[in-house]
Protein backbone atom coordinates (compact mmCIF):
# COMPACT_ATOMS: atom_id res chain seq x y z
CA MET A 1 -2.97 13.85 -12.23
CA THR A 2 -2.32 17.47 -13.14
CA ARG A 3 -0.62 19.94 -10.83
CA ALA A 4 -3.95 21.76 -10.33
CA MET A 5 -5.68 18.50 -9.41
CA ARG A 6 -2.90 17.71 -6.93
CA ARG A 7 -3.38 21.10 -5.29
CA GLU A 8 -7.15 20.53 -5.15
CA VAL A 9 -6.64 17.10 -3.54
CA THR A 10 -4.38 18.70 -0.92
CA HIS A 11 -7.00 21.42 -0.36
CA LEU A 12 -9.80 18.86 0.06
CA LEU A 13 -7.68 16.86 2.50
CA SER A 14 -7.19 20.05 4.51
CA GLU A 15 -10.97 20.62 4.51
CA MET A 16 -11.49 17.04 5.70
CA ARG A 17 -9.05 17.64 8.57
CA SER A 18 -11.15 20.65 9.50
CA GLY A 19 -14.28 18.49 9.65
CA SER A 20 -15.92 19.14 6.28
CA ALA A 21 -18.14 16.16 5.44
CA SER A 22 -18.68 17.30 1.85
CA ALA A 23 -14.93 17.35 1.17
CA ALA A 24 -14.80 13.53 1.31
CA ASP A 25 -17.55 13.34 -1.33
CA ARG A 26 -15.64 15.73 -3.60
CA LEU A 27 -12.34 13.94 -3.01
CA LEU A 28 -13.34 10.50 -4.28
CA PRO A 29 -13.83 11.45 -7.95
CA MET A 30 -10.44 13.18 -7.92
CA VAL A 31 -8.47 10.25 -6.48
CA TYR A 32 -10.57 7.36 -7.78
CA GLU A 33 -8.54 6.52 -10.88
CA GLU A 34 -5.23 6.64 -9.02
CA LEU A 35 -6.64 4.44 -6.24
CA ARG A 36 -8.04 2.05 -8.83
CA ARG A 37 -4.64 1.84 -10.55
CA LEU A 38 -3.04 1.11 -7.19
CA ALA A 39 -5.63 -1.57 -6.38
CA ALA A 40 -5.23 -3.17 -9.81
CA SER A 41 -1.48 -3.26 -9.27
CA TYR A 42 -1.96 -5.13 -5.97
CA LEU A 43 -4.45 -7.52 -7.46
CA GLY A 44 -2.04 -8.23 -10.31
CA ARG A 45 0.33 -9.63 -7.71
CA GLU A 46 -2.32 -11.90 -6.22
CA ARG A 47 -2.92 -15.53 -7.10
CA PRO A 48 -4.86 -16.26 -10.30
CA GLY A 49 -8.61 -16.44 -9.86
CA HIS A 50 -8.70 -13.88 -7.07
CA THR A 51 -12.33 -13.01 -6.34
CA LEU A 52 -11.86 -9.40 -5.25
CA GLN A 53 -12.09 -6.78 -8.02
CA ALA A 54 -10.14 -3.52 -8.12
CA THR A 55 -13.34 -1.46 -7.92
CA ALA A 56 -14.51 -3.26 -4.77
CA LEU A 57 -11.05 -2.95 -3.25
CA VAL A 58 -10.99 0.82 -3.91
CA HIS A 59 -14.45 1.31 -2.42
CA GLU A 60 -13.67 -0.68 0.70
CA ALA A 61 -10.35 1.12 1.20
CA TYR A 62 -11.96 4.52 0.66
CA LEU A 63 -14.71 3.73 3.16
CA ARG A 64 -12.07 2.78 5.71
CA LEU A 65 -10.14 5.99 5.04
CA VAL A 66 -13.08 8.38 5.34
CA GLY A 67 -14.43 6.39 8.27
CA LEU A 68 -11.38 7.13 10.38
CA ASP A 69 -12.22 9.07 13.53
CA ARG A 70 -9.49 11.58 12.85
CA MET A 71 -8.46 12.12 9.27
CA ASP A 72 -5.16 13.91 9.43
CA PHE A 73 -3.72 13.61 5.93
CA HIS A 74 -0.91 16.11 5.52
CA SER A 75 -0.53 15.79 1.76
CA ARG A 76 -1.57 13.86 -1.30
CA ALA A 77 1.42 11.52 -0.83
CA HIS A 78 0.44 10.92 2.80
CA PHE A 79 -3.15 10.14 1.75
CA PHE A 80 -1.98 7.59 -0.83
CA ALA A 81 0.44 6.06 1.67
CA VAL A 82 -2.43 5.52 4.12
CA ALA A 83 -4.61 4.25 1.25
CA ALA A 84 -1.93 1.73 0.31
CA THR A 85 -1.81 0.49 3.88
CA ALA A 86 -5.60 0.14 3.90
CA ILE A 87 -5.53 -1.81 0.63
CA ARG A 88 -2.79 -4.06 1.97
CA ARG A 89 -4.78 -4.75 5.13
CA ILE A 90 -7.91 -5.59 3.13
CA LEU A 91 -5.95 -8.06 1.00
CA VAL A 92 -4.29 -9.57 4.07
CA ASP A 93 -7.66 -9.90 5.83
CA GLN A 94 -9.13 -11.61 2.79
CA ALA A 95 -6.13 -13.94 2.49
CA ARG A 96 -6.45 -14.84 6.17
CA ARG A 97 -10.14 -15.63 5.74
CA ARG A 98 -9.39 -17.70 2.64
CA ASN A 99 -6.64 -19.64 4.38
CA ALA A 100 -8.31 -19.94 7.79
CA ASP A 101 -9.21 -23.57 7.26
CA LYS A 102 -6.08 -24.39 5.28
CA ARG A 103 -3.43 -22.92 7.61
CA GLY A 104 -0.97 -22.07 4.92
CA GLY A 105 -2.62 -23.79 2.02
CA GLY A 106 0.63 -25.49 1.03
CA VAL A 107 1.82 -22.34 -0.74
CA PRO A 108 5.61 -22.26 -0.94
CA PRO A 109 7.43 -19.12 0.20
CA VAL A 110 7.93 -16.49 -2.49
CA SER A 111 11.16 -14.69 -3.25
CA LEU A 112 11.34 -10.94 -2.78
CA ASP A 113 12.01 -10.61 -6.51
CA ALA A 114 8.57 -12.08 -7.12
CA ALA A 115 7.01 -9.98 -4.37
CA VAL A 116 8.32 -6.68 -5.71
CA GLY A 117 7.77 -7.66 -9.32
CA VAL A 118 11.41 -7.70 -10.38
CA GLY A 119 12.18 -10.34 -12.95
CA ILE A 120 9.71 -13.03 -11.87
CA ASP A 121 5.97 -13.13 -12.45
CA PRO A 122 4.43 -11.81 -9.20
CA ALA A 123 1.07 -13.54 -9.70
CA GLY A 124 1.92 -16.21 -7.12
CA THR A 125 2.88 -13.80 -4.36
CA ASP A 126 1.84 -15.08 -0.95
CA ILE A 127 0.46 -11.86 0.54
CA LEU A 128 0.31 -13.41 4.03
CA ALA A 129 3.99 -14.39 4.01
CA LEU A 130 4.93 -10.97 2.69
CA ASN A 131 2.77 -9.26 5.32
CA GLN A 132 4.27 -11.37 8.14
CA ALA A 133 7.78 -10.55 6.96
CA LEU A 134 6.90 -6.86 6.69
CA GLU A 135 5.43 -6.90 10.21
CA ARG A 136 8.70 -8.35 11.55
CA PHE A 137 10.62 -5.76 9.54
CA LEU A 138 8.46 -2.98 11.05
CA VAL A 139 9.57 -4.10 14.51
CA ALA A 140 13.24 -4.49 13.57
CA GLU A 141 13.64 -1.48 11.27
CA PRO A 142 10.55 0.79 11.39
CA GLU A 143 11.92 3.62 9.21
CA LYS A 144 13.15 1.26 6.52
CA ALA A 145 9.92 -0.73 6.64
CA ARG A 146 7.86 2.42 6.02
CA VAL A 147 9.94 3.05 2.89
CA VAL A 148 9.20 -0.48 1.63
CA GLU A 149 5.52 -0.04 2.46
CA LEU A 150 5.28 3.25 0.59
CA ARG A 151 7.34 2.16 -2.42
CA PHE A 152 5.83 -1.32 -2.82
CA PHE A 153 2.32 -1.03 -1.46
CA ALA A 154 1.60 2.63 -2.22
CA GLY A 155 3.52 2.68 -5.48
CA LEU A 156 5.09 6.01 -4.54
CA THR A 157 8.22 7.20 -6.29
CA THR A 158 11.46 7.81 -4.44
CA GLU A 159 10.70 11.53 -4.32
CA GLU A 160 7.10 11.05 -3.14
CA THR A 161 8.27 8.63 -0.45
CA ALA A 162 10.92 11.11 0.70
CA ALA A 163 8.29 13.86 0.91
CA ALA A 164 5.83 11.65 2.81
CA LEU A 165 8.48 10.63 5.35
CA GLY A 166 10.36 13.93 5.53
CA VAL A 167 13.71 12.43 4.50
CA THR A 168 16.03 12.79 1.51
CA SER A 169 15.73 10.79 -1.69
CA ARG A 170 19.14 9.24 -1.02
CA THR A 171 17.88 7.99 2.35
CA VAL A 172 14.83 6.47 0.65
CA GLU A 173 17.02 4.73 -1.95
CA ARG A 174 19.33 3.37 0.77
CA HIS A 175 16.40 2.15 2.91
CA TRP A 176 14.70 0.64 -0.17
CA ARG A 177 17.82 -1.40 -1.05
CA PHE A 178 18.23 -2.54 2.55
CA GLY A 179 14.52 -3.36 2.90
CA ARG A 180 14.44 -5.44 -0.27
CA ALA A 181 17.47 -7.42 0.90
CA TRP A 182 16.02 -7.89 4.41
CA LEU A 183 12.66 -9.09 3.07
CA TYR A 184 14.32 -11.33 0.48
CA ASP A 185 16.21 -13.07 3.28
CA ALA A 186 13.09 -13.26 5.47
CA LEU A 187 10.98 -14.78 2.68
CA ARG A 188 13.63 -17.35 1.72
CA THR A 189 13.63 -18.99 5.13
């Protein structure tokens, strides 16, 4: 995304905050490819044979985002952070529906290395186990958990995460290391 496009996205988000209905229609074409890349990245971590397609995931997430009663996106990074959370929730909801009659489905816990895509093929990631661990982490360490959510689920860089949270890059790196270790331990047990 070019610098001009990033400015335009920020401008459209500002218009949406002010109540412009047409801004949401103009925003989608500008953010679609980045949202689709994000969705494809998530789906790449899902089990083989997943029925949800990246396009459908993007559309459902976008509808949830523009359907919010109060859209208060402060920046492009903030928008994508909220979009990542919406995508994560859609995948978690679908996994819960899929496993409702199985209650776990016999899927073994996954290591954090697999969950964050470091070293091990992430295709077998148990999104429900990861979500449950992240929910516990949000209670125990909310600031650090937001860093993990933005880095892993939103795919934001260290700098983008720092900007979205209003902290330094060093703080993001420190929280990211801690969060990975915390989740690794939580997923092992």
